[in-house]
Amino acid sequence: MILRRHLIAGAAGLAAAPLAAPAVRAQTRWPTAPVRFVVPFAAGGPTDVPARLIADELSKMLPQRVIVENRTGAGVVVGSDVVAKAPKDGQTLLYTTIAHAALRPIFPNLPFDPIADFTPVALTGVIPMLMMVNKDLPVNSLPELIELFKKNPGKYDYASTGNGAALHLASELFLKQAGGLKVNHVPYRGSAAAMPDLLNGTVVMMLDVANSALPFVTRGEVKGLAISGMNRLPQVPNIPTFNEAGVPGYEAYTWHMVLAPSGTPEPIVNAVNEAVNKVMAMESVKERLSALTMETRSNTTPATTKKWLGDEIVKWEAIIREAGIAAN
């Protein structure tokens, strides 16, 4: 049983306090019923697919099933609120993304606090983004694109998947770190809606998650200029990272994370973390998620996950405020 050593350690540590032991031991029995994996995105989307893969594997190793529940609305607010207000027993978990880090400045009247009302459990992986430009734009490298934008402030438009979305934030970070470039933002309802306008030149630039962008780049329909992570992608080894291409310190991902309601007992948080890490270490899981260009993580702790989330919130809240980004 995955939790055996947690139960043994917990019982040993409580030997000096026998009256409290039964209640605390009861808290460590997880899961005692089917686990709800709340995904605040639509079924079949890029967040839902990894969530279902992880839930399926957890269901095989735990004594209870893990059921994905898609709760959409107001960005990720509706689904996140469900978990924030759920019982603190580890039976309801949130599987979310970088969107969680952008909630406070974009939605000032949130029904929950993105930090205080959640306990970070595990970071499951990061997905780099790929910078694309229209194939007829007279540039073939990131330095050439930066120079074009510098010489023509406000002339060009770039696409994103919506105000405050990960791709919008990453684009604004690029414009800032490349010297305060002036390029007009055009939000769309998803990258599929934006791609036709990138192809016909209505917009000239778009950052997209790598797995979505790769087919267009490999077919030569757009030019791929840079990868937002620290490593090149094996699928397109000729495309440099932003750091290599002349924007030092640039790093941006959309990431996936498991959160629990704040106040969930530490033994349960640790048990969930251990179970998720075991799934993320499975070769079959790593292979399937690698095909989606996700760099999986299988050794995070609640503490390192908390630090990652805190750093991301600080980073993206600053970009949101500086760029004056607001909800649609």
Protein backbone atom coordinates (compact mmCIF):
# COMPACT_ATOMS: atom_id res chain seq x y z
CA MET A 1 0.00 0.00 0.00
CA ILE A 2 1.39 3.42 -0.97
CA LEU A 3 0.50 4.96 2.38
CA ARG A 4 1.90 2.23 4.66
CA ARG A 5 5.02 4.10 5.67
CA HIS A 6 3.06 7.30 6.30
CA LEU A 7 0.72 5.40 8.61
CA ILE A 8 3.58 3.71 10.47
CA ALA A 9 5.49 6.97 10.87
CA GLY A 10 2.38 8.79 11.97
CA ALA A 11 1.54 6.14 14.58
CA ALA A 12 5.08 6.13 15.98
CA GLY A 13 5.17 9.89 16.27
CA LEU A 14 1.90 9.91 18.17
CA ALA A 15 2.86 7.37 20.82
CA ALA A 16 3.29 10.09 23.41
CA ALA A 17 -0.20 11.48 22.79
CA PRO A 18 -2.57 8.50 22.80
CA LEU A 19 -5.74 10.53 23.13
CA ALA A 20 -5.07 12.42 19.90
CA ALA A 21 -3.86 9.40 17.96
CA PRO A 22 -7.17 7.95 16.72
CA ALA A 23 -8.26 11.24 15.13
CA VAL A 24 -4.92 11.85 13.46
CA ARG A 25 -4.64 8.27 12.23
CA ALA A 26 -8.07 8.64 10.69
CA GLN A 27 -6.85 11.68 8.79
CA THR A 28 -4.04 9.69 7.17
CA ARG A 29 -6.34 7.10 5.60
CA TRP A 30 -6.46 8.43 2.05
CA PRO A 31 -8.34 7.97 -0.10
CA THR A 32 -11.48 6.74 1.66
CA ALA A 33 -13.78 7.43 -1.31
CA PRO A 34 -13.44 8.23 -5.04
CA VAL A 35 -11.15 11.23 -5.56
CA ARG A 36 -12.40 14.19 -7.60
CA PHE A 37 -9.77 15.62 -9.93
CA VAL A 38 -11.31 18.99 -10.78
CA VAL A 39 -10.05 20.39 -14.09
CA PRO A 40 -11.17 24.00 -14.71
CA PHE A 41 -10.91 23.52 -18.49
CA ALA A 42 -13.05 21.84 -21.13
CA ALA A 43 -12.91 18.10 -21.73
CA GLY A 44 -10.49 17.03 -24.45
CA GLY A 45 -8.32 20.13 -24.19
CA PRO A 46 -4.55 20.36 -23.56
CA THR A 47 -4.99 20.38 -19.77
CA ASP A 48 -7.71 17.75 -19.64
CA VAL A 49 -5.71 15.14 -21.58
CA PRO A 50 -2.76 14.92 -19.11
CA ALA A 51 -5.17 15.13 -16.17
CA ARG A 52 -7.08 12.08 -17.42
CA LEU A 53 -3.89 10.15 -18.05
CA ILE A 54 -2.70 10.84 -14.50
CA ALA A 55 -6.13 10.08 -13.03
CA ASP A 56 -6.29 6.75 -14.87
CA GLU A 57 -2.91 5.66 -13.53
CA LEU A 58 -3.72 6.81 -10.00
CA SER A 59 -6.91 4.77 -10.16
CA LYS A 60 -4.84 1.65 -10.83
CA MET A 61 -2.58 2.10 -7.81
CA LEU A 62 -5.01 3.50 -5.22
CA PRO A 63 -7.85 1.68 -3.45
CA GLN A 64 -10.31 4.24 -4.83
CA ARG A 65 -10.96 5.62 -8.31
CA VAL A 66 -9.81 9.09 -9.37
CA ILE A 67 -12.49 10.80 -11.42
CA VAL A 68 -11.87 13.85 -13.62
CA GLU A 69 -14.54 16.50 -13.26
CA ASN A 70 -14.47 19.38 -15.76
CA ARG A 71 -15.78 22.57 -14.17
CA THR A 72 -15.39 25.51 -16.55
CA GLY A 73 -16.42 29.14 -16.33
CA ALA A 74 -14.86 32.59 -15.81
CA GLY A 75 -11.50 31.32 -16.93
CA VAL A 76 -10.47 28.90 -14.20
CA VAL A 77 -12.43 30.65 -11.44
CA VAL A 78 -15.45 28.33 -11.24
CA GLY A 79 -13.48 25.09 -11.04
CA SER A 80 -10.91 26.54 -8.64
CA ASP A 81 -13.66 27.80 -6.35
CA VAL A 82 -15.12 24.29 -6.14
CA VAL A 83 -11.83 23.01 -4.72
CA ALA A 84 -11.20 26.02 -2.48
CA LYS A 85 -14.50 25.32 -0.71
CA ALA A 86 -14.23 21.51 -0.70
CA PRO A 87 -13.69 19.44 2.48
CA LYS A 88 -10.07 19.37 3.58
CA ASP A 89 -9.71 15.62 3.27
CA GLY A 90 -7.79 15.11 0.03
CA GLN A 91 -10.84 13.75 -1.76
CA THR A 92 -11.16 16.84 -3.98
CA LEU A 93 -8.06 18.08 -5.83
CA LEU A 94 -7.45 20.80 -8.42
CA TYR A 95 -5.48 20.07 -11.58
CA THR A 96 -4.62 23.51 -12.90
CA THR A 97 -2.11 25.53 -14.89
CA ILE A 98 -0.23 28.81 -15.06
CA ALA A 99 -3.66 30.45 -15.19
CA HIS A 100 -3.77 30.10 -11.39
CA ALA A 101 -0.79 32.46 -11.10
CA ALA A 102 -2.61 35.24 -12.98
CA LEU A 103 -5.91 35.23 -11.11
CA ARG A 104 -5.53 38.00 -8.53
CA PRO A 105 -4.78 41.03 -10.72
CA ILE A 106 -7.15 39.97 -13.51
CA PHE A 107 -10.09 39.04 -11.27
CA PRO A 108 -9.97 41.44 -8.31
CA ASN A 109 -13.24 40.12 -6.84
CA LEU A 110 -12.33 36.45 -6.64
CA PRO A 111 -14.45 34.30 -4.30
CA PHE A 112 -11.22 32.73 -3.00
CA ASP A 113 -7.56 33.55 -2.45
CA PRO A 114 -5.29 31.74 -4.96
CA ILE A 115 -2.59 31.41 -2.29
CA ALA A 116 -4.28 31.25 1.12
CA ASP A 117 -7.08 28.90 0.08
CA PHE A 118 -4.91 26.20 -1.53
CA THR A 119 -2.14 23.84 -0.51
CA PRO A 120 0.39 23.09 -3.29
CA VAL A 121 0.86 19.34 -3.71
CA ALA A 122 2.87 18.51 -6.84
CA LEU A 123 4.12 20.08 -10.06
CA THR A 124 3.49 17.49 -12.79
CA GLY A 125 5.23 19.13 -15.73
CA VAL A 126 6.02 22.16 -17.84
CA ILE A 127 5.31 22.81 -21.52
CA PRO A 128 7.51 25.29 -23.42
CA MET A 129 6.13 27.66 -26.01
CA LEU A 130 7.29 28.26 -29.56
CA MET A 131 7.55 31.69 -31.16
CA MET A 132 6.08 31.75 -34.67
CA VAL A 133 5.90 34.50 -37.29
CA ASN A 134 4.13 34.78 -40.61
CA LYS A 135 6.22 33.10 -43.31
CA ASP A 136 6.28 36.24 -45.47
CA LEU A 137 7.56 38.52 -42.71
CA PRO A 138 11.07 39.63 -43.77
CA VAL A 139 12.85 38.06 -40.79
CA ASN A 140 14.49 34.68 -40.24
CA SER A 141 15.70 34.94 -36.66
CA LEU A 142 14.64 36.38 -33.33
CA PRO A 143 17.22 39.22 -33.45
CA GLU A 144 15.87 40.22 -36.87
CA LEU A 145 12.31 40.22 -35.50
CA ILE A 146 13.34 42.40 -32.57
CA GLU A 147 15.08 44.82 -34.91
CA LEU A 148 12.00 44.99 -37.15
CA PHE A 149 9.77 45.80 -34.18
CA LYS A 150 12.22 48.41 -32.88
CA LYS A 151 12.22 50.22 -36.22
CA ASN A 152 8.43 50.08 -36.53
CA PRO A 153 6.88 50.71 -33.09
CA GLY A 154 3.12 50.10 -33.07
CA LYS A 155 2.97 49.01 -36.70
CA TYR A 156 2.56 45.26 -36.20
CA ASP A 157 0.04 43.07 -34.37
CA TYR A 158 0.54 39.84 -32.49
CA ALA A 159 -2.00 37.19 -31.51
CA SER A 160 -2.74 35.46 -28.23
CA THR A 161 -5.38 33.12 -26.88
CA GLY A 162 -7.01 35.85 -24.77
CA ASN A 163 -6.29 38.58 -22.26
CA GLY A 164 -4.31 37.20 -19.34
CA ALA A 165 -3.85 33.77 -20.92
CA ALA A 166 -0.44 32.13 -20.63
CA LEU A 167 0.47 32.95 -24.22
CA HIS A 168 -0.46 36.60 -23.74
CA LEU A 169 1.66 36.86 -20.58
CA ALA A 170 4.62 35.14 -22.24
CA SER A 171 4.39 37.49 -25.22
CA GLU A 172 4.36 40.57 -23.00
CA LEU A 173 7.35 39.21 -21.09
CA PHE A 174 9.22 38.86 -24.40
CA LEU A 175 8.34 42.40 -25.50
CA LYS A 176 9.54 43.76 -22.16
CA GLN A 177 12.79 41.79 -21.99
CA ALA A 178 13.60 42.50 -25.63
CA GLY A 179 13.76 46.22 -24.85
CA GLY A 180 10.18 47.40 -24.38
CA LEU A 181 8.96 46.65 -27.90
CA LYS A 182 5.66 48.20 -29.03
CA VAL A 183 3.53 45.57 -30.76
CA ASN A 184 -0.26 45.58 -30.68
CA HIS A 185 -2.05 42.71 -28.93
CA VAL A 186 -4.99 40.99 -30.64
CA PRO A 187 -6.74 38.43 -28.41
CA TYR A 188 -8.51 35.41 -29.90
CA ARG A 189 -10.59 32.62 -28.40
CA GLY A 190 -7.87 30.01 -28.62
CA SER A 191 -4.91 29.37 -30.89
CA ALA A 192 -7.07 27.57 -33.47
CA ALA A 193 -9.01 30.80 -33.98
CA ALA A 194 -5.82 32.86 -34.21
CA MET A 195 -3.87 30.64 -36.60
CA PRO A 196 -5.71 31.61 -39.83
CA ASP A 197 -4.84 35.26 -39.21
CA LEU A 198 -1.21 34.40 -38.54
CA LEU A 199 -1.11 32.44 -41.78
CA ASN A 200 -2.65 35.27 -43.85
CA GLY A 201 -0.59 38.01 -42.20
CA THR A 202 -3.35 39.86 -40.34
CA VAL A 203 -1.15 39.29 -37.28
CA VAL A 204 2.55 38.62 -37.70
CA MET A 205 3.59 36.91 -34.46
CA MET A 206 2.23 34.37 -31.99
CA LEU A 207 3.59 32.31 -29.14
CA ASP A 208 1.83 28.97 -28.79
CA VAL A 209 2.39 25.85 -26.73
CA ALA A 210 4.95 23.80 -28.58
CA ASN A 211 2.80 20.78 -29.35
CA SER A 212 0.20 22.99 -31.06
CA ALA A 213 2.77 25.04 -32.97
CA LEU A 214 5.03 22.25 -34.21
CA PRO A 215 2.86 20.99 -37.10
CA PHE A 216 2.68 24.45 -38.65
CA VAL A 217 6.42 24.98 -38.23
CA THR A 218 7.47 21.59 -39.59
CA ARG A 219 5.19 22.02 -42.62
CA GLY A 220 6.77 25.40 -43.34
CA GLU A 221 3.49 27.30 -43.02
CA VAL A 222 5.05 29.64 -40.44
CA LYS A 223 8.60 30.38 -39.32
CA GLY A 224 9.66 29.09 -35.90
CA LEU A 225 12.12 31.47 -34.27
CA ALA A 226 12.62 30.51 -30.62
CA ILE A 227 11.72 28.09 -27.81
CA SER A 228 10.66 29.58 -24.49
CA GLY A 229 12.23 26.90 -22.27
CA MET A 230 15.85 26.37 -21.29
CA ASN A 231 16.36 23.50 -23.74
CA ARG A 232 15.80 23.05 -27.46
CA LEU A 233 13.07 20.70 -28.58
CA PRO A 234 14.24 17.42 -30.11
CA GLN A 235 11.51 17.72 -32.75
CA VAL A 236 13.04 20.98 -34.07
CA PRO A 237 16.66 21.00 -32.89
CA ASN A 238 17.57 23.85 -35.24
CA ILE A 239 15.32 26.34 -33.41
CA PRO A 240 17.21 28.07 -30.56
CA THR A 241 15.91 29.03 -27.14
CA PHE A 242 15.20 32.70 -26.42
CA ASN A 243 18.36 32.76 -24.30
CA GLU A 244 20.44 31.48 -27.19
CA ALA A 245 18.77 33.84 -29.63
CA GLY A 246 19.58 37.02 -27.74
CA VAL A 247 16.99 37.51 -24.97
CA PRO A 248 18.97 36.44 -21.89
CA GLY A 249 16.98 35.31 -18.90
CA TYR A 250 13.79 34.73 -20.84
CA GLU A 251 11.93 31.63 -19.67
CA ALA A 252 8.21 30.89 -19.87
CA TYR A 253 6.09 27.79 -19.71
CA THR A 254 2.56 26.76 -19.27
CA TRP A 255 2.73 24.33 -16.37
CA HIS A 256 0.46 21.80 -14.71
CA MET A 257 0.02 21.44 -10.96
CA VAL A 258 -2.04 19.60 -8.35
CA LEU A 259 -3.47 21.69 -5.52
CA ALA A 260 -5.54 20.71 -2.48
CA PRO A 261 -7.81 22.86 -0.30
CA SER A 262 -5.89 24.83 2.31
CA GLY A 263 -5.84 23.05 5.64
CA THR A 264 -5.62 19.55 4.18
CA PRO A 265 -3.64 17.53 6.75
CA GLU A 266 0.05 17.24 5.97
CA PRO A 267 0.07 13.40 5.94
CA ILE A 268 -2.61 13.43 3.24
CA VAL A 269 -0.80 16.11 1.22
CA ASN A 270 2.37 14.02 1.37
CA ALA A 271 0.47 10.88 0.37
CA VAL A 272 -1.05 12.61 -2.67
CA ASN A 273 2.35 13.99 -3.61
CA GLU A 274 3.93 10.55 -3.40
CA ALA A 275 1.21 8.96 -5.51
CA VAL A 276 1.39 11.66 -8.20
CA ASN A 277 5.18 11.47 -8.34
CA LYS A 278 4.99 7.70 -8.84
CA VAL A 279 2.67 8.20 -11.80
CA MET A 280 4.87 10.90 -13.31
CA ALA A 281 7.91 8.59 -13.04
CA MET A 282 6.25 5.87 -15.15
CA GLU A 283 7.95 5.48 -18.52
CA SER A 284 4.62 5.07 -20.31
CA VAL A 285 3.36 8.34 -18.84
CA LYS A 286 6.57 10.20 -19.65
CA GLU A 287 6.49 8.94 -23.23
CA ARG A 288 2.87 9.94 -23.80
CA LEU A 289 3.34 13.39 -22.28
CA SER A 290 6.63 13.92 -24.10
CA ALA A 291 4.66 13.53 -27.33
CA LEU A 292 2.69 16.57 -26.10
CA THR A 293 6.05 18.36 -25.51
CA MET A 294 5.54 18.26 -21.74
CA GLU A 295 8.69 18.01 -19.64
CA THR A 296 7.43 15.83 -16.81
CA ARG A 297 8.37 16.26 -13.15
CA SER A 298 8.43 13.29 -10.78
CA ASN A 299 10.47 14.49 -7.81
CA THR A 300 8.69 17.62 -6.60
CA THR A 301 7.62 18.02 -2.99
CA PRO A 302 4.83 20.14 -1.52
CA ALA A 303 7.54 22.61 -0.47
CA THR A 304 9.17 22.90 -3.90
CA THR A 305 5.74 23.11 -5.52
CA LYS A 306 4.80 25.93 -3.17
CA LYS A 307 7.98 27.81 -4.08
CA TRP A 308 7.37 27.32 -7.82
CA LEU A 309 3.83 28.64 -7.52
CA GLY A 310 4.92 31.60 -5.40
CA ASP A 311 7.67 32.56 -7.84
CA GLU A 312 5.29 32.28 -10.80
CA ILE A 313 2.67 34.45 -9.09
CA VAL A 314 5.24 37.17 -8.41
CA LYS A 315 6.59 36.99 -11.96
CA TRP A 316 3.29 37.10 -13.82
CA GLU A 317 1.47 39.53 -11.56
CA ALA A 318 4.22 42.04 -12.28
CA ILE A 319 3.83 41.55 -16.04
CA ILE A 320 0.04 41.86 -15.80
CA ARG A 321 0.21 45.14 -13.93
CA GLU A 322 2.94 46.65 -16.09
CA ALA A 323 1.11 45.74 -19.30
CA GLY A 324 -2.28 46.84 -17.94
CA ILE A 325 -3.86 43.47 -18.70
CA ALA A 326 -7.49 43.01 -17.69
CA ALA A 327 -10.10 40.30 -18.18
CA ASN A 328 -12.04 40.27 -21.44
